[in-house]
Amino acid sequence: MSEPLLELAFEAAVVEWRGPPPYLFATIPEAQIGDVKWAAREASYGWGCVPVTARIGGVDFTTSLFPRDGGYLLPIKVAVRRQLDIALGDTVRVAMTIARR
């Protein structure tokens, strides 16, 4: 990723979204959605998806935020969940960066 547009940190419960399991996500807190939408203007690559670099429990990974109901979901990759033993209903602390494309 290139120049950071937005760096943020938050805690969120791990939730499931409809679809074939095991798709688990952290919901971006409502108070930070406006900042994400602002950064998404320059970072989104289509369909409202926003590429990010995230860190949970010392594990870094890249993914893309999914837009949902006016907010965003951060997918938590299976490899990250297994390494950190993250399950549905857990609370995770996330550090996330959105950068210019």
PDB file of N, CA and C in Angstrom:
ATOM      1  N   MET A   1       0.839  -1.180   0.000  1.00  0.00           N
ATOM      2  CA  MET A   1       0.000   0.000   0.000  1.00  0.00           C
ATOM      3  C   MET A   1       0.881   1.240   0.000  1.00  0.00           C
ATOM      4  N   SER A   2       0.311   2.327  -0.433  1.00  0.00           N
ATOM      5  CA  SER A   2       1.067   3.571  -0.514  1.00  0.00           C
ATOM      6  C   SER A   2       0.719   4.486   0.655  1.00  0.00           C
ATOM      7  N   GLU A   3       0.715   5.764   0.413  1.00  0.00           N
ATOM      8  CA  GLU A   3       0.495   6.778   1.442  1.00  0.00           C
ATOM      9  C   GLU A   3      -0.804   6.551   2.226  1.00  0.00           C
ATOM     10  N   PRO A   4      -0.724   6.509   3.570  1.00  0.00           N
ATOM     11  CA  PRO A   4      -1.933   6.293   4.367  1.00  0.00           C
ATOM     12  C   PRO A   4      -2.917   7.462   4.244  1.00  0.00           C
ATOM     13  N   LEU A   5      -4.170   7.113   4.024  1.00  0.00           N
ATOM     14  CA  LEU A   5      -5.256   8.081   4.059  1.00  0.00           C
ATOM     15  C   LEU A   5      -5.889   8.120   5.439  1.00  0.00           C
ATOM     16  N   LEU A   6      -5.909   6.965   6.086  1.00  0.00           N
ATOM     17  CA  LEU A   6      -6.579   6.848   7.378  1.00  0.00           C
ATOM     18  C   LEU A   6      -5.961   5.709   8.169  1.00  0.00           C
ATOM     19  N   GLU A   7      -5.686   5.967   9.424  1.00  0.00           N
ATOM     20  CA  GLU A   7      -5.273   4.922  10.353  1.00  0.00           C
ATOM     21  C   GLU A   7      -6.245   4.978  11.512  1.00  0.00           C
ATOM     22  N   LEU A   8      -6.768   3.840  11.900  1.00  0.00           N
ATOM     23  CA  LEU A   8      -7.683   3.832  13.033  1.00  0.00           C
ATOM     24  C   LEU A   8      -7.551   2.550  13.815  1.00  0.00           C
ATOM     25  N   ALA A   9      -8.030   2.604  15.034  1.00  0.00           N
ATOM     26  CA  ALA A   9      -8.013   1.445  15.922  1.00  0.00           C
ATOM     27  C   ALA A   9      -9.385   1.357  16.580  1.00  0.00           C
ATOM     28  N   PHE A  10      -9.827   0.128  16.806  1.00  0.00           N
ATOM     29  CA  PHE A  10     -11.137  -0.064  17.423  1.00  0.00           C
ATOM     30  C   PHE A  10     -11.234  -1.471  17.993  1.00  0.00           C
ATOM     31  N   GLU A  11     -12.239  -1.671  18.834  1.00  0.00           N
ATOM     32  CA  GLU A  11     -12.591  -2.995  19.323  1.00  0.00           C
ATOM     33  C   GLU A  11     -13.948  -3.343  18.740  1.00  0.00           C
ATOM     34  N   ALA A  12     -14.116  -4.605  18.393  1.00  0.00           N
ATOM     35  CA  ALA A  12     -15.390  -5.039  17.825  1.00  0.00           C
ATOM     36  C   ALA A  12     -15.631  -6.506  18.140  1.00  0.00           C
ATOM     37  N   ALA A  13     -16.899  -6.847  18.258  1.00  0.00           N
ATOM     38  CA  ALA A  13     -17.278  -8.251  18.404  1.00  0.00           C
ATOM     39  C   ALA A  13     -17.155  -8.919  17.040  1.00  0.00           C
ATOM     40  N   VAL A  14     -16.768 -10.168  17.048  1.00  0.00           N
ATOM     41  CA  VAL A  14     -16.668 -10.943  15.815  1.00  0.00           C
ATOM     42  C   VAL A  14     -18.078 -11.446  15.482  1.00  0.00           C
ATOM     43  N   VAL A  15     -18.522 -11.119  14.260  1.00  0.00           N
ATOM     44  CA  VAL A  15     -19.866 -11.467  13.822  1.00  0.00           C
ATOM     45  C   VAL A  15     -19.804 -12.335  12.570  1.00  0.00           C
ATOM     46  N   GLU A  16     -20.920 -12.990  12.277  1.00  0.00           N
ATOM     47  CA  GLU A  16     -21.031 -13.798  11.075  1.00  0.00           C
ATOM     48  C   GLU A  16     -21.988 -13.090  10.134  1.00  0.00           C
ATOM     49  N   TRP A  17     -21.720 -13.194   8.839  1.00  0.00           N
ATOM     50  CA  TRP A  17     -22.611 -12.633   7.837  1.00  0.00           C
ATOM     51  C   TRP A  17     -23.081 -13.776   6.978  1.00  0.00           C
ATOM     52  N   ARG A  18     -24.286 -13.686   6.523  1.00  0.00           N
ATOM     53  CA  ARG A  18     -24.840 -14.760   5.686  1.00  0.00           C
ATOM     54  C   ARG A  18     -23.897 -15.134   4.560  1.00  0.00           C
ATOM     55  N   GLY A  19     -23.888 -16.360   4.264  1.00  0.00           N
ATOM     56  CA  GLY A  19     -23.012 -16.892   3.232  1.00  0.00           C
ATOM     57  C   GLY A  19     -22.444 -18.197   3.740  1.00  0.00           C
ATOM     58  N   PRO A  20     -21.717 -18.876   2.908  1.00  0.00           N
ATOM     59  CA  PRO A  20     -21.150 -20.143   3.363  1.00  0.00           C
ATOM     60  C   PRO A  20     -20.178 -19.903   4.516  1.00  0.00           C
ATOM     61  N   PRO A  21     -20.327 -20.613   5.606  1.00  0.00           N
ATOM     62  CA  PRO A  21     -19.394 -20.455   6.703  1.00  0.00           C
ATOM     63  C   PRO A  21     -18.004 -20.885   6.277  1.00  0.00           C
ATOM     64  N   PRO A  22     -16.964 -20.481   6.852  1.00  0.00           N
ATOM     65  CA  PRO A  22     -16.906 -19.704   8.090  1.00  0.00           C
ATOM     66  C   PRO A  22     -16.527 -18.242   7.844  1.00  0.00           C
ATOM     67  N   TYR A  23     -17.423 -17.425   7.307  1.00  0.00           N
ATOM     68  CA  TYR A  23     -17.137 -16.018   7.080  1.00  0.00           C
ATOM     69  C   TYR A  23     -17.395 -15.226   8.352  1.00  0.00           C
ATOM     70  N   LEU A  24     -16.329 -14.747   8.970  1.00  0.00           N
ATOM     71  CA  LEU A  24     -16.437 -13.954  10.192  1.00  0.00           C
ATOM     72  C   LEU A  24     -15.828 -12.579   9.952  1.00  0.00           C
ATOM     73  N   PHE A  25     -16.403 -11.578  10.602  1.00  0.00           N
ATOM     74  CA  PHE A  25     -16.048 -10.188  10.368  1.00  0.00           C
ATOM     75  C   PHE A  25     -15.999  -9.421  11.678  1.00  0.00           C
ATOM     76  N   ALA A  26     -15.292  -8.286  11.645  1.00  0.00           N
ATOM     77  CA  ALA A  26     -15.369  -7.275  12.693  1.00  0.00           C
ATOM     78  C   ALA A  26     -16.095  -6.086  12.077  1.00  0.00           C
ATOM     79  N   THR A  27     -17.089  -5.564  12.766  1.00  0.00           N
ATOM     80  CA  THR A  27     -17.859  -4.433  12.264  1.00  0.00           C
ATOM     81  C   THR A  27     -17.147  -3.131  12.611  1.00  0.00           C
ATOM     82  N   ILE A  28     -16.956  -2.271  11.615  1.00  0.00           N
ATOM     83  CA  ILE A  28     -16.358  -0.961  11.872  1.00  0.00           C
ATOM     84  C   ILE A  28     -17.340  -0.173  12.736  1.00  0.00           C
ATOM     85  N   PRO A  29     -16.888   0.393  13.855  1.00  0.00           N
ATOM     86  CA  PRO A  29     -17.798   1.146  14.738  1.00  0.00           C
ATOM     87  C   PRO A  29     -18.439   2.334  14.017  1.00  0.00           C
ATOM     88  N   GLU A  30     -19.681   2.583  14.351  1.00  0.00           N
ATOM     89  CA  GLU A  30     -20.453   3.659  13.731  1.00  0.00           C
ATOM     90  C   GLU A  30     -19.730   5.001  13.785  1.00  0.00           C
ATOM     91  N   ALA A  31     -19.049   5.277  14.898  1.00  0.00           N
ATOM     92  CA  ALA A  31     -18.354   6.564  15.063  1.00  0.00           C
ATOM     93  C   ALA A  31     -17.222   6.754  14.060  1.00  0.00           C
ATOM     94  N   GLN A  32     -16.746   5.676  13.430  1.00  0.00           N
ATOM     95  CA  GLN A  32     -15.621   5.768  12.501  1.00  0.00           C
ATOM     96  C   GLN A  32     -16.025   5.572  11.033  1.00  0.00           C
ATOM     97  N   ILE A  33     -17.295   5.324  10.790  1.00  0.00           N
ATOM     98  CA  ILE A  33     -17.761   5.076   9.420  1.00  0.00           C
ATOM     99  C   ILE A  33     -17.555   6.296   8.531  1.00  0.00           C
ATOM    100  N   GLY A  34     -17.810   7.494   9.035  1.00  0.00           N
ATOM    101  CA  GLY A  34     -17.617   8.702   8.234  1.00  0.00           C
ATOM    102  C   GLY A  34     -16.183   8.841   7.763  1.00  0.00           C
ATOM    103  N   ASP A  35     -15.227   8.564   8.645  1.00  0.00           N
ATOM    104  CA  ASP A  35     -13.811   8.636   8.267  1.00  0.00           C
ATOM    105  C   ASP A  35     -13.480   7.596   7.193  1.00  0.00           C
ATOM    106  N   VAL A  36     -14.036   6.394   7.336  1.00  0.00           N
ATOM    107  CA  VAL A  36     -13.786   5.341   6.351  1.00  0.00           C
ATOM    108  C   VAL A  36     -14.390   5.733   5.004  1.00  0.00           C
ATOM    109  N   LYS A  37     -15.602   6.271   5.018  1.00  0.00           N
ATOM    110  CA  LYS A  37     -16.235   6.703   3.764  1.00  0.00           C
ATOM    111  C   LYS A  37     -15.408   7.792   3.081  1.00  0.00           C
ATOM    112  N   TRP A  38     -14.851   8.705   3.873  1.00  0.00           N
ATOM    113  CA  TRP A  38     -14.000   9.759   3.313  1.00  0.00           C
ATOM    114  C   TRP A  38     -12.782   9.140   2.621  1.00  0.00           C
ATOM    115  N   ALA A  39     -12.089   8.225   3.303  1.00  0.00           N
ATOM    116  CA  ALA A  39     -10.899   7.585   2.732  1.00  0.00           C
ATOM    117  C   ALA A  39     -11.261   6.697   1.537  1.00  0.00           C
ATOM    118  N   ALA A  40     -12.430   6.108   1.574  1.00  0.00           N
ATOM    119  CA  ALA A  40     -12.850   5.209   0.495  1.00  0.00           C
ATOM    120  C   ALA A  40     -12.982   5.934  -0.837  1.00  0.00           C
ATOM    121  N   ARG A  41     -13.211   7.229  -0.822  1.00  0.00           N
ATOM    122  CA  ARG A  41     -13.325   7.984  -2.071  1.00  0.00           C
ATOM    123  C   ARG A  41     -12.079   7.829  -2.936  1.00  0.00           C
ATOM    124  N   GLU A  42     -10.911   7.699  -2.305  1.00  0.00           N
ATOM    125  CA  GLU A  42      -9.660   7.565  -3.047  1.00  0.00           C
ATOM    126  C   GLU A  42      -9.107   6.142  -3.043  1.00  0.00           C
ATOM    127  N   ALA A  43      -9.620   5.307  -2.164  1.00  0.00           N
ATOM    128  CA  ALA A  43      -9.034   3.970  -2.022  1.00  0.00           C
ATOM    129  C   ALA A  43      -9.875   2.857  -2.625  1.00  0.00           C
ATOM    130  N   SER A  44     -11.180   3.062  -2.750  1.00  0.00           N
ATOM    131  CA  SER A  44     -12.065   1.997  -3.217  1.00  0.00           C
ATOM    132  C   SER A  44     -11.737   1.593  -4.648  1.00  0.00           C
ATOM    133  N   TYR A  45     -11.824   0.295  -4.917  1.00  0.00           N
ATOM    134  CA  TYR A  45     -11.542  -0.203  -6.254  1.00  0.00           C
ATOM    135  C   TYR A  45     -12.811  -0.672  -6.956  1.00  0.00           C
ATOM    136  N   GLY A  46     -13.951  -0.413  -6.379  1.00  0.00           N
ATOM    137  CA  GLY A  46     -15.217  -0.787  -7.005  1.00  0.00           C
ATOM    138  C   GLY A  46     -16.124  -1.530  -6.058  1.00  0.00           C
ATOM    139  N   TRP A  47     -17.402  -1.492  -6.341  1.00  0.00           N
ATOM    140  CA  TRP A  47     -18.434  -2.129  -5.520  1.00  0.00           C
ATOM    141  C   TRP A  47     -18.396  -1.666  -4.074  1.00  0.00           C
ATOM    142  N   GLY A  48     -17.702  -0.559  -3.809  1.00  0.00           N
ATOM    143  CA  GLY A  48     -17.623  -0.038  -2.451  1.00  0.00           C
ATOM    144  C   GLY A  48     -16.599  -0.724  -1.571  1.00  0.00           C
ATOM    145  N   CYS A  49     -15.884  -1.713  -2.092  1.00  0.00           N
ATOM    146  CA  CYS A  49     -14.859  -2.412  -1.314  1.00  0.00           C
ATOM    147  C   CYS A  49     -13.643  -1.500  -1.129  1.00  0.00           C
ATOM    148  N   VAL A  50     -13.047  -1.565   0.044  1.00  0.00           N
ATOM    149  CA  VAL A  50     -11.937  -0.683   0.390  1.00  0.00           C
ATOM    150  C   VAL A  50     -10.756  -1.531   0.857  1.00  0.00           C
ATOM    151  N   PRO A  51      -9.628  -1.533   0.118  1.00  0.00           N
ATOM    152  CA  PRO A  51      -8.472  -2.322   0.546  1.00  0.00           C
ATOM    153  C   PRO A  51      -7.844  -1.746   1.812  1.00  0.00           C
ATOM    154  N   VAL A  52      -7.487  -2.645   2.730  1.00  0.00           N
ATOM    155  CA  VAL A  52      -6.890  -2.234   4.003  1.00  0.00           C
ATOM    156  C   VAL A  52      -5.760  -3.179   4.390  1.00  0.00           C
ATOM    157  N   THR A  53      -4.906  -2.666   5.261  1.00  0.00           N
ATOM    158  CA  THR A  53      -3.970  -3.498   6.000  1.00  0.00           C
ATOM    159  C   THR A  53      -4.457  -3.467   7.439  1.00  0.00           C
ATOM    160  N   ALA A  54      -4.586  -4.628   8.040  1.00  0.00           N
ATOM    161  CA  ALA A  54      -5.112  -4.703   9.403  1.00  0.00           C
ATOM    162  C   ALA A  54      -4.166  -5.505  10.287  1.00  0.00           C
ATOM    163  N   ARG A  55      -4.296  -5.263  11.577  1.00  0.00           N
ATOM    164  CA  ARG A  55      -3.520  -6.007  12.572  1.00  0.00           C
ATOM    165  C   ARG A  55      -4.459  -6.377  13.716  1.00  0.00           C
ATOM    166  N   ILE A  56      -4.452  -7.659  14.034  1.00  0.00           N
ATOM    167  CA  ILE A  56      -5.179  -8.164  15.194  1.00  0.00           C
ATOM    168  C   ILE A  56      -4.202  -9.030  15.967  1.00  0.00           C
ATOM    169  N   GLY A  57      -4.042  -8.759  17.255  1.00  0.00           N
ATOM    170  CA  GLY A  57      -3.188  -9.593  18.089  1.00  0.00           C
ATOM    171  C   GLY A  57      -1.775  -9.772  17.583  1.00  0.00           C
ATOM    172  N   GLY A  58      -1.214  -8.758  16.946  1.00  0.00           N
ATOM    173  CA  GLY A  58       0.149  -8.841  16.438  1.00  0.00           C
ATOM    174  C   GLY A  58       0.279  -9.520  15.090  1.00  0.00           C
ATOM    175  N   VAL A  59      -0.840  -9.909  14.484  1.00  0.00           N
ATOM    176  CA  VAL A  59      -0.824 -10.549  13.171  1.00  0.00           C
ATOM    177  C   VAL A  59      -1.303  -9.538  12.126  1.00  0.00           C
ATOM    178  N   ASP A  60      -0.455  -9.249  11.150  1.00  0.00           N
ATOM    179  CA  ASP A  60      -0.792  -8.323  10.066  1.00  0.00           C
ATOM    180  C   ASP A  60      -1.365  -9.096   8.885  1.00  0.00           C
ATOM    181  N   PHE A  61      -2.357  -8.497   8.226  1.00  0.00           N
ATOM    182  CA  PHE A  61      -2.916  -9.106   7.019  1.00  0.00           C
ATOM    183  C   PHE A  61      -3.564  -8.034   6.155  1.00  0.00           C
ATOM    184  N   THR A  62      -3.713  -8.347   4.883  1.00  0.00           N
ATOM    185  CA  THR A  62      -4.389  -7.437   3.963  1.00  0.00           C
ATOM    186  C   THR A  62      -5.720  -8.052   3.572  1.00  0.00           C
ATOM    187  N   THR A  63      -6.696  -7.190   3.365  1.00  0.00           N
ATOM    188  CA  THR A  63      -8.030  -7.616   2.969  1.00  0.00           C
ATOM    189  C   THR A  63      -8.753  -6.395   2.434  1.00  0.00           C
ATOM    190  N   SER A  64     -10.040  -6.496   2.230  1.00  0.00           N
ATOM    191  CA  SER A  64     -10.842  -5.355   1.809  1.00  0.00           C
ATOM    192  C   SER A  64     -12.105  -5.285   2.637  1.00  0.00           C
ATOM    193  N   LEU A  65     -12.446  -4.076   3.074  1.00  0.00           N
ATOM    194  CA  LEU A  65     -13.695  -3.866   3.792  1.00  0.00           C
ATOM    195  C   LEU A  65     -14.854  -4.093   2.841  1.00  0.00           C
ATOM    196  N   PHE A  66     -15.922  -4.700   3.345  1.00  0.00           N
ATOM    197  CA  PHE A  66     -17.147  -4.892   2.573  1.00  0.00           C
ATOM    198  C   PHE A  66     -18.167  -3.867   3.057  1.00  0.00           C
ATOM    199  N   PRO A  67     -18.815  -3.147   2.141  1.00  0.00           N
ATOM    200  CA  PRO A  67     -19.896  -2.257   2.570  1.00  0.00           C
ATOM    201  C   PRO A  67     -21.124  -3.085   2.955  1.00  0.00           C
ATOM    202  N   ARG A  68     -21.797  -2.661   4.030  1.00  0.00           N
ATOM    203  CA  ARG A  68     -23.007  -3.373   4.454  1.00  0.00           C
ATOM    204  C   ARG A  68     -23.873  -2.447   5.282  1.00  0.00           C
ATOM    205  N   ASP A  69     -25.101  -2.243   4.835  1.00  0.00           N
ATOM    206  CA  ASP A  69     -26.095  -1.456   5.572  1.00  0.00           C
ATOM    207  C   ASP A  69     -25.576  -0.088   5.984  1.00  0.00           C
ATOM    208  N   GLY A  70     -24.857   0.592   5.101  1.00  0.00           N
ATOM    209  CA  GLY A  70     -24.349   1.927   5.395  1.00  0.00           C
ATOM    210  C   GLY A  70     -23.052   1.939   6.174  1.00  0.00           C
ATOM    211  N   GLY A  71     -22.556   0.770   6.565  1.00  0.00           N
ATOM    212  CA  GLY A  71     -21.298   0.672   7.304  1.00  0.00           C
ATOM    213  C   GLY A  71     -20.329  -0.233   6.560  1.00  0.00           C
ATOM    214  N   TYR A  72     -19.373  -0.771   7.310  1.00  0.00           N
ATOM    215  CA  TYR A  72     -18.360  -1.639   6.698  1.00  0.00           C
ATOM    216  C   TYR A  72     -18.052  -2.815   7.616  1.00  0.00           C
ATOM    217  N   LEU A  73     -17.733  -3.941   6.989  1.00  0.00           N
ATOM    218  CA  LEU A  73     -17.288  -5.136   7.694  1.00  0.00           C
ATOM    219  C   LEU A  73     -15.850  -5.434   7.308  1.00  0.00           C
ATOM    220  N   LEU A  74     -15.029  -5.773   8.296  1.00  0.00           N
ATOM    221  CA  LEU A  74     -13.646  -6.192   8.074  1.00  0.00           C
ATOM    222  C   LEU A  74     -13.604  -7.718   8.118  1.00  0.00           C
ATOM    223  N   PRO A  75     -13.356  -8.377   6.966  1.00  0.00           N
ATOM    224  CA  PRO A  75     -13.239  -9.839   6.987  1.00  0.00           C
ATOM    225  C   PRO A  75     -12.001 -10.261   7.784  1.00  0.00           C
ATOM    226  N   ILE A  76     -12.175 -11.261   8.615  1.00  0.00           N
ATOM    227  CA  ILE A  76     -11.044 -11.805   9.372  1.00  0.00           C
ATOM    228  C   ILE A  76     -10.682 -13.139   8.726  1.00  0.00           C
ATOM    229  N   LYS A  77      -9.516 -13.167   8.096  1.00  0.00           N
ATOM    230  CA  LYS A  77      -9.095 -14.348   7.336  1.00  0.00           C
ATOM    231  C   LYS A  77      -9.004 -15.583   8.229  1.00  0.00           C
ATOM    232  N   VAL A  78      -9.304 -16.726   7.636  1.00  0.00           N
ATOM    233  CA  VAL A  78      -9.261 -17.996   8.357  1.00  0.00           C
ATOM    234  C   VAL A  78      -7.885 -18.222   8.980  1.00  0.00           C
ATOM    235  N   ALA A  79      -6.822 -17.942   8.252  1.00  0.00           N
ATOM    236  CA  ALA A  79      -5.462 -18.152   8.790  1.00  0.00           C
ATOM    237  C   ALA A  79      -5.222 -17.296  10.030  1.00  0.00           C
ATOM    238  N   VAL A  80      -5.733 -16.077  10.029  1.00  0.00           N
ATOM    239  CA  VAL A  80      -5.585 -15.185  11.191  1.00  0.00           C
ATOM    240  C   VAL A  80      -6.414 -15.730  12.350  1.00  0.00           C
ATOM    241  N   ARG A  81      -7.641 -16.138  12.060  1.00  0.00           N
ATOM    242  CA  ARG A  81      -8.517 -16.670  13.119  1.00  0.00           C
ATOM    243  C   ARG A  81      -7.910 -17.910  13.759  1.00  0.00           C
ATOM    244  N   ARG A  82      -7.347 -18.782  12.937  1.00  0.00           N
ATOM    245  CA  ARG A  82      -6.741 -20.001  13.489  1.00  0.00           C
ATOM    246  C   ARG A  82      -5.518 -19.685  14.326  1.00  0.00           C
ATOM    247  N   GLN A  83      -4.661 -18.773  13.825  1.00  0.00           N
ATOM    248  CA  GLN A  83      -3.436 -18.432  14.545  1.00  0.00           C
ATOM    249  C   GLN A  83      -3.743 -17.815  15.906  1.00  0.00           C
ATOM    250  N   LEU A  84      -4.812 -17.008  15.975  1.00  0.00           N
ATOM    251  CA  LEU A  84      -5.141 -16.295  17.214  1.00  0.00           C
ATOM    252  C   LEU A  84      -6.307 -16.925  17.978  1.00  0.00           C
ATOM    253  N   ASP A  85      -6.824 -18.042  17.476  1.00  0.00           N
ATOM    254  CA  ASP A  85      -7.950 -18.744  18.095  1.00  0.00           C
ATOM    255  C   ASP A  85      -9.143 -17.802  18.282  1.00  0.00           C
ATOM    256  N   ILE A  86      -9.514 -17.105  17.203  1.00  0.00           N
ATOM    257  CA  ILE A  86     -10.641 -16.173  17.217  1.00  0.00           C
ATOM    258  C   ILE A  86     -11.894 -16.924  16.785  1.00  0.00           C
ATOM    259  N   ALA A  87     -12.991 -16.710  17.533  1.00  0.00           N
ATOM    260  CA  ALA A  87     -14.248 -17.386  17.232  1.00  0.00           C
ATOM    261  C   ALA A  87     -15.398 -16.384  17.230  1.00  0.00           C
ATOM    262  N   LEU A  88     -16.511 -16.796  16.677  1.00  0.00           N
ATOM    263  CA  LEU A  88     -17.727 -16.000  16.653  1.00  0.00           C
ATOM    264  C   LEU A  88     -18.057 -15.526  18.068  1.00  0.00           C
ATOM    265  N   GLY A  89     -18.326 -14.228  18.224  1.00  0.00           N
ATOM    266  CA  GLY A  89     -18.675 -13.661  19.523  1.00  0.00           C
ATOM    267  C   GLY A  89     -17.503 -13.104  20.310  1.00  0.00           C
ATOM    268  N   ASP A  90     -16.261 -13.454  19.922  1.00  0.00           N
ATOM    269  CA  ASP A  90     -15.084 -12.877  20.585  1.00  0.00           C
ATOM    270  C   ASP A  90     -15.032 -11.375  20.305  1.00  0.00           C
ATOM    271  N   THR A  91     -14.317 -10.654  21.134  1.00  0.00           N
ATOM    272  CA  THR A  91     -14.037  -9.247  20.883  1.00  0.00           C
ATOM    273  C   THR A  91     -12.575  -9.139  20.482  1.00  0.00           C
ATOM    274  N   VAL A  92     -12.321  -8.420  19.377  1.00  0.00           N
ATOM    275  CA  VAL A  92     -10.952  -8.249  18.894  1.00  0.00           C
ATOM    276  C   VAL A  92     -10.594  -6.771  18.881  1.00  0.00           C
ATOM    277  N   ARG A  93      -9.327  -6.500  19.057  1.00  0.00           N
ATOM    278  CA  ARG A  93      -8.776  -5.139  18.938  1.00  0.00           C
ATOM    279  C   ARG A  93      -8.090  -5.071  17.584  1.00  0.00           C
ATOM    280  N   VAL A  94      -8.508  -4.102  16.763  1.00  0.00           N
ATOM    281  CA  VAL A  94      -8.044  -3.987  15.394  1.00  0.00           C
ATOM    282  C   VAL A  94      -7.311  -2.656  15.196  1.00  0.00           C
ATOM    283  N   ALA A  95      -6.175  -2.691  14.547  1.00  0.00           N
ATOM    284  CA  ALA A  95      -5.507  -1.490  14.025  1.00  0.00           C
ATOM    285  C   ALA A  95      -5.581  -1.635  12.513  1.00  0.00           C
ATOM    286  N   MET A  96      -6.001  -0.578  11.838  1.00  0.00           N
ATOM    287  CA  MET A  96      -6.264  -0.698  10.411  1.00  0.00           C
ATOM    288  C   MET A  96      -5.779   0.547   9.663  1.00  0.00           C
ATOM    289  N   THR A  97      -5.262   0.345   8.462  1.00  0.00           N
ATOM    290  CA  THR A  97      -4.810   1.440   7.622  1.00  0.00           C
ATOM    291  C   THR A  97      -5.460   1.341   6.249  1.00  0.00           C
ATOM    292  N   ILE A  98      -5.961   2.479   5.788  1.00  0.00           N
ATOM    293  CA  ILE A  98      -6.444   2.605   4.427  1.00  0.00           C
ATOM    294  C   ILE A  98      -5.466   3.536   3.711  1.00  0.00           C
ATOM    295  N   ALA A  99      -4.985   3.084   2.555  1.00  0.00           N
ATOM    296  CA  ALA A  99      -3.999   3.865   1.815  1.00  0.00           C
ATOM    297  C   ALA A  99      -4.524   4.206   0.414  1.00  0.00           C
ATOM    298  N   ARG A 100      -3.931   5.227  -0.166  1.00  0.00           N
ATOM    299  CA  ARG A 100      -4.242   5.558  -1.564  1.00  0.00           C
ATOM    300  C   ARG A 100      -3.861   4.397  -2.460  1.00  0.00           C
ATOM    301  N   ARG A 101      -4.632   4.195  -3.499  1.00  0.00           N
ATOM    302  CA  ARG A 101      -4.287   3.161  -4.473  1.00  0.00           C
ATOM    303  C   ARG A 101      -3.201   3.670  -5.373  1.00  0.00           C
TER     304      ARG A 101
END
